[in-house]
Amino acid sequence: MKALPTQYHIEVYENSFRNDASWSAESSTPFPAIAIGEAFQHLGIEAAWYTPPSSGQVFRVKDIEHIYWVIESSHIGHKLMVALEVVTRA
């Protein structure tokens, strides 16, 4: 099998994957590892947040999904989907 280039995508959702993504990006290099329970700093990202954290709150990673696909003779796709929840900062 011939090695194909990979396109990396990230989509960030609020609360679940049911709604449209609040923010997304594409890259030719992988995104850093993200783990459930980590804080997600949203400042600096222009996004359509439904309920941004207020004072004393942060976004926390609630769920993660990966989707992969192959476009024959073109590329491999990897989408990282991240669901966030608002929590009170400890």
N, C-alpha and C. Protein backbone atom coordinates (compact mmCIF):
# COMPACT_ATOMS: atom_id res chain seq x y z
N MET A 1 0.85 -1.18 0.00
CA MET A 1 0.00 0.00 0.00
C MET A 1 0.89 1.23 0.00
N LYS A 2 0.59 2.16 -0.86
CA LYS A 2 1.34 3.40 -0.98
C LYS A 2 1.03 4.33 0.20
N ALA A 3 2.09 4.93 0.77
CA ALA A 3 1.89 5.89 1.85
C ALA A 3 1.21 7.15 1.31
N LEU A 4 0.19 7.60 2.01
CA LEU A 4 -0.55 8.80 1.60
C LEU A 4 -0.35 9.90 2.63
N PRO A 5 -0.41 11.17 2.22
CA PRO A 5 -0.36 12.25 3.21
C PRO A 5 -1.62 12.23 4.06
N THR A 6 -1.52 12.78 5.25
CA THR A 6 -2.66 12.83 6.16
C THR A 6 -3.11 14.27 6.37
N GLN A 7 -4.41 14.49 6.32
CA GLN A 7 -5.01 15.77 6.69
C GLN A 7 -5.61 15.60 8.08
N TYR A 8 -5.31 16.54 8.97
CA TYR A 8 -5.79 16.48 10.34
C TYR A 8 -6.85 17.56 10.55
N HIS A 9 -7.91 17.18 11.22
CA HIS A 9 -9.02 18.09 11.50
C HIS A 9 -9.33 18.01 12.99
N ILE A 10 -9.73 19.14 13.56
CA ILE A 10 -10.24 19.14 14.93
C ILE A 10 -11.55 19.89 14.93
N GLU A 11 -12.53 19.35 15.64
CA GLU A 11 -13.81 20.01 15.83
C GLU A 11 -14.11 20.03 17.32
N VAL A 12 -14.50 21.18 17.83
CA VAL A 12 -14.78 21.35 19.25
C VAL A 12 -16.27 21.65 19.41
N TYR A 13 -16.91 20.89 20.28
CA TYR A 13 -18.35 20.98 20.52
C TYR A 13 -18.61 21.33 21.98
N GLU A 14 -19.78 21.88 22.24
CA GLU A 14 -20.20 22.13 23.61
C GLU A 14 -21.20 21.05 24.03
N ASN A 15 -20.89 20.38 25.12
CA ASN A 15 -21.74 19.38 25.79
C ASN A 15 -21.88 18.04 25.08
N SER A 16 -22.08 18.00 23.77
CA SER A 16 -22.23 16.73 23.07
C SER A 16 -21.90 16.94 21.60
N PHE A 17 -21.88 15.87 20.85
CA PHE A 17 -21.60 15.95 19.42
C PHE A 17 -22.87 16.14 18.59
N ARG A 18 -24.00 16.39 19.24
CA ARG A 18 -25.29 16.54 18.54
C ARG A 18 -25.40 17.86 17.78
N ASN A 19 -24.88 18.93 18.36
CA ASN A 19 -24.97 20.24 17.72
C ASN A 19 -23.83 20.45 16.74
N ASP A 20 -23.88 21.56 16.02
CA ASP A 20 -22.77 21.92 15.16
C ASP A 20 -21.55 22.23 16.01
N ALA A 21 -20.39 22.04 15.43
CA ALA A 21 -19.14 22.38 16.12
C ALA A 21 -19.09 23.88 16.38
N SER A 22 -18.57 24.25 17.55
CA SER A 22 -18.39 25.67 17.88
C SER A 22 -17.13 26.22 17.23
N TRP A 23 -16.16 25.34 17.00
CA TRP A 23 -14.88 25.76 16.41
C TRP A 23 -14.26 24.57 15.69
N SER A 24 -13.56 24.83 14.60
CA SER A 24 -12.86 23.76 13.89
C SER A 24 -11.63 24.32 13.21
N ALA A 25 -10.69 23.43 12.91
CA ALA A 25 -9.46 23.80 12.22
C ALA A 25 -8.94 22.59 11.47
N GLU A 26 -8.08 22.85 10.50
CA GLU A 26 -7.44 21.81 9.69
C GLU A 26 -5.95 22.04 9.69
N SER A 27 -5.17 20.95 9.63
CA SER A 27 -3.71 21.07 9.69
C SER A 27 -3.06 19.95 8.88
N SER A 28 -1.83 20.18 8.47
CA SER A 28 -1.06 19.13 7.81
C SER A 28 -0.23 18.35 8.83
N THR A 29 -0.25 18.78 10.09
CA THR A 29 0.45 18.07 11.17
C THR A 29 -0.55 17.73 12.27
N PRO A 30 -0.27 16.68 13.04
CA PRO A 30 -1.23 16.27 14.08
C PRO A 30 -1.41 17.33 15.17
N PHE A 31 -2.59 17.34 15.76
CA PHE A 31 -2.86 18.20 16.90
C PHE A 31 -2.30 17.51 18.15
N PRO A 32 -1.94 18.27 19.18
CA PRO A 32 -1.44 17.64 20.41
C PRO A 32 -2.49 16.73 21.03
N ALA A 33 -2.04 15.78 21.83
CA ALA A 33 -2.95 14.87 22.51
C ALA A 33 -3.84 15.65 23.47
N ILE A 34 -5.10 15.27 23.52
CA ILE A 34 -6.08 15.88 24.42
C ILE A 34 -6.72 14.73 25.19
N ALA A 35 -6.90 14.91 26.50
CA ALA A 35 -7.47 13.84 27.33
C ALA A 35 -8.73 14.32 28.03
N ILE A 36 -9.65 13.39 28.25
CA ILE A 36 -10.87 13.68 29.01
C ILE A 36 -10.46 14.17 30.40
N GLY A 37 -11.12 15.23 30.86
CA GLY A 37 -10.84 15.79 32.18
C GLY A 37 -9.91 16.99 32.15
N GLU A 38 -9.20 17.19 31.04
CA GLU A 38 -8.30 18.34 30.94
C GLU A 38 -9.10 19.64 30.77
N ALA A 39 -8.51 20.73 31.25
CA ALA A 39 -9.08 22.05 30.99
C ALA A 39 -8.79 22.42 29.55
N PHE A 40 -9.72 23.11 28.91
CA PHE A 40 -9.56 23.56 27.52
C PHE A 40 -9.63 25.08 27.53
N GLN A 41 -8.53 25.73 27.23
CA GLN A 41 -8.48 27.19 27.24
C GLN A 41 -9.04 27.71 25.91
N HIS A 42 -10.13 28.41 25.98
CA HIS A 42 -10.82 28.89 24.78
C HIS A 42 -10.43 30.31 24.39
N LEU A 43 -9.75 31.03 25.26
CA LEU A 43 -9.38 32.40 24.94
C LEU A 43 -8.43 32.40 23.75
N GLY A 44 -8.61 33.32 22.85
CA GLY A 44 -7.79 33.39 21.66
C GLY A 44 -8.38 32.65 20.47
N ILE A 45 -9.46 31.92 20.71
CA ILE A 45 -10.15 31.21 19.64
C ILE A 45 -11.45 31.94 19.35
N GLU A 46 -11.60 32.39 18.13
CA GLU A 46 -12.87 33.01 17.75
C GLU A 46 -13.83 31.90 17.39
N ALA A 47 -14.82 31.69 18.24
CA ALA A 47 -15.75 30.59 18.06
C ALA A 47 -17.17 31.02 18.41
N ALA A 48 -18.11 30.21 17.97
CA ALA A 48 -19.52 30.46 18.25
C ALA A 48 -19.92 29.70 19.50
N TRP A 49 -19.40 30.12 20.66
CA TRP A 49 -19.74 29.44 21.91
C TRP A 49 -21.18 29.73 22.29
N TYR A 50 -21.92 28.69 22.65
CA TYR A 50 -23.30 28.85 23.11
C TYR A 50 -23.31 29.39 24.54
N THR A 51 -22.47 28.81 25.39
CA THR A 51 -22.41 29.20 26.80
C THR A 51 -20.96 29.27 27.24
N PRO A 52 -20.29 30.40 26.98
CA PRO A 52 -18.88 30.48 27.40
C PRO A 52 -18.76 30.49 28.92
N PRO A 53 -17.63 30.01 29.44
CA PRO A 53 -17.45 30.04 30.89
C PRO A 53 -17.50 31.46 31.42
N SER A 54 -18.07 31.63 32.60
CA SER A 54 -18.06 32.93 33.25
C SER A 54 -16.94 32.93 34.28
N SER A 55 -16.85 33.98 35.05
CA SER A 55 -15.79 34.11 36.05
C SER A 55 -15.79 32.90 36.99
N GLY A 56 -14.62 32.30 37.17
CA GLY A 56 -14.49 31.15 38.06
C GLY A 56 -14.82 29.82 37.40
N GLN A 57 -15.14 29.83 36.11
CA GLN A 57 -15.46 28.60 35.38
C GLN A 57 -14.46 28.38 34.25
N VAL A 58 -14.37 27.14 33.79
CA VAL A 58 -13.52 26.78 32.65
C VAL A 58 -14.24 25.73 31.81
N PHE A 59 -13.78 25.58 30.58
CA PHE A 59 -14.21 24.44 29.78
C PHE A 59 -13.37 23.24 30.18
N ARG A 60 -14.01 22.07 30.31
CA ARG A 60 -13.30 20.83 30.59
C ARG A 60 -13.68 19.83 29.50
N VAL A 61 -12.70 19.03 29.06
CA VAL A 61 -12.94 18.03 28.03
C VAL A 61 -13.83 16.94 28.61
N LYS A 62 -14.99 16.75 28.00
CA LYS A 62 -16.00 15.79 28.47
C LYS A 62 -15.95 14.48 27.70
N ASP A 63 -15.68 14.55 26.39
CA ASP A 63 -15.69 13.36 25.55
C ASP A 63 -14.80 13.60 24.33
N ILE A 64 -14.29 12.52 23.77
CA ILE A 64 -13.42 12.59 22.58
C ILE A 64 -13.82 11.47 21.64
N GLU A 65 -13.84 11.78 20.35
CA GLU A 65 -14.05 10.76 19.31
C GLU A 65 -13.06 11.01 18.19
N HIS A 66 -12.66 9.94 17.52
CA HIS A 66 -11.77 10.02 16.36
C HIS A 66 -12.50 9.42 15.17
N ILE A 67 -12.36 10.05 14.02
CA ILE A 67 -12.91 9.51 12.77
C ILE A 67 -11.77 9.48 11.76
N TYR A 68 -11.66 8.36 11.04
CA TYR A 68 -10.63 8.21 10.01
C TYR A 68 -11.28 7.86 8.69
N TRP A 69 -10.67 8.29 7.58
CA TRP A 69 -11.15 7.92 6.26
C TRP A 69 -9.98 7.96 5.28
N VAL A 70 -10.15 7.29 4.16
CA VAL A 70 -9.13 7.28 3.11
C VAL A 70 -9.78 7.70 1.81
N ILE A 71 -9.17 8.67 1.16
CA ILE A 71 -9.56 9.05 -0.19
C ILE A 71 -8.51 8.41 -1.09
N GLU A 72 -8.90 7.36 -1.79
CA GLU A 72 -7.96 6.56 -2.57
C GLU A 72 -7.08 7.40 -3.48
N SER A 73 -5.80 7.16 -3.45
CA SER A 73 -4.78 7.86 -4.26
C SER A 73 -4.68 9.34 -3.93
N SER A 74 -5.26 9.78 -2.80
CA SER A 74 -5.23 11.19 -2.45
C SER A 74 -4.66 11.42 -1.05
N HIS A 75 -5.41 11.04 -0.02
CA HIS A 75 -4.97 11.31 1.35
C HIS A 75 -5.75 10.48 2.36
N ILE A 76 -5.24 10.51 3.58
CA ILE A 76 -5.93 9.93 4.73
C ILE A 76 -6.45 11.10 5.56
N GLY A 77 -7.63 10.98 6.09
CA GLY A 77 -8.19 12.02 6.95
C GLY A 77 -8.29 11.52 8.38
N HIS A 78 -7.99 12.39 9.30
CA HIS A 78 -8.15 12.09 10.74
C HIS A 78 -8.85 13.27 11.37
N LYS A 79 -10.06 13.04 11.90
CA LYS A 79 -10.80 14.10 12.58
C LYS A 79 -10.85 13.79 14.07
N LEU A 80 -10.40 14.74 14.87
CA LEU A 80 -10.47 14.67 16.33
C LEU A 80 -11.65 15.52 16.76
N MET A 81 -12.64 14.90 17.39
CA MET A 81 -13.82 15.59 17.85
C MET A 81 -13.77 15.68 19.37
N VAL A 82 -13.91 16.90 19.91
CA VAL A 82 -13.77 17.14 21.34
C VAL A 82 -15.03 17.81 21.86
N ALA A 83 -15.68 17.20 22.85
CA ALA A 83 -16.86 17.79 23.49
C ALA A 83 -16.44 18.40 24.82
N LEU A 84 -16.87 19.62 25.06
CA LEU A 84 -16.53 20.35 26.28
C LEU A 84 -17.74 20.56 27.16
N GLU A 85 -17.48 20.73 28.45
CA GLU A 85 -18.52 21.13 29.40
C GLU A 85 -17.96 22.26 30.25
N VAL A 86 -18.84 23.12 30.74
CA VAL A 86 -18.44 24.20 31.62
C VAL A 86 -18.47 23.70 33.06
N VAL A 87 -17.37 23.91 33.77
CA VAL A 87 -17.29 23.50 35.18
C VAL A 87 -16.69 24.65 36.01
N THR A 88 -16.93 24.61 37.30
CA THR A 88 -16.33 25.58 38.21
C THR A 88 -14.89 25.18 38.42
N ARG A 89 -14.01 26.17 38.30
CA ARG A 89 -12.57 25.90 38.47
C ARG A 89 -12.31 25.53 39.92
N ALA A 90 -11.55 24.46 40.09
CA ALA A 90 -11.23 23.98 41.45
C ALA A 90 -10.16 24.83 42.09
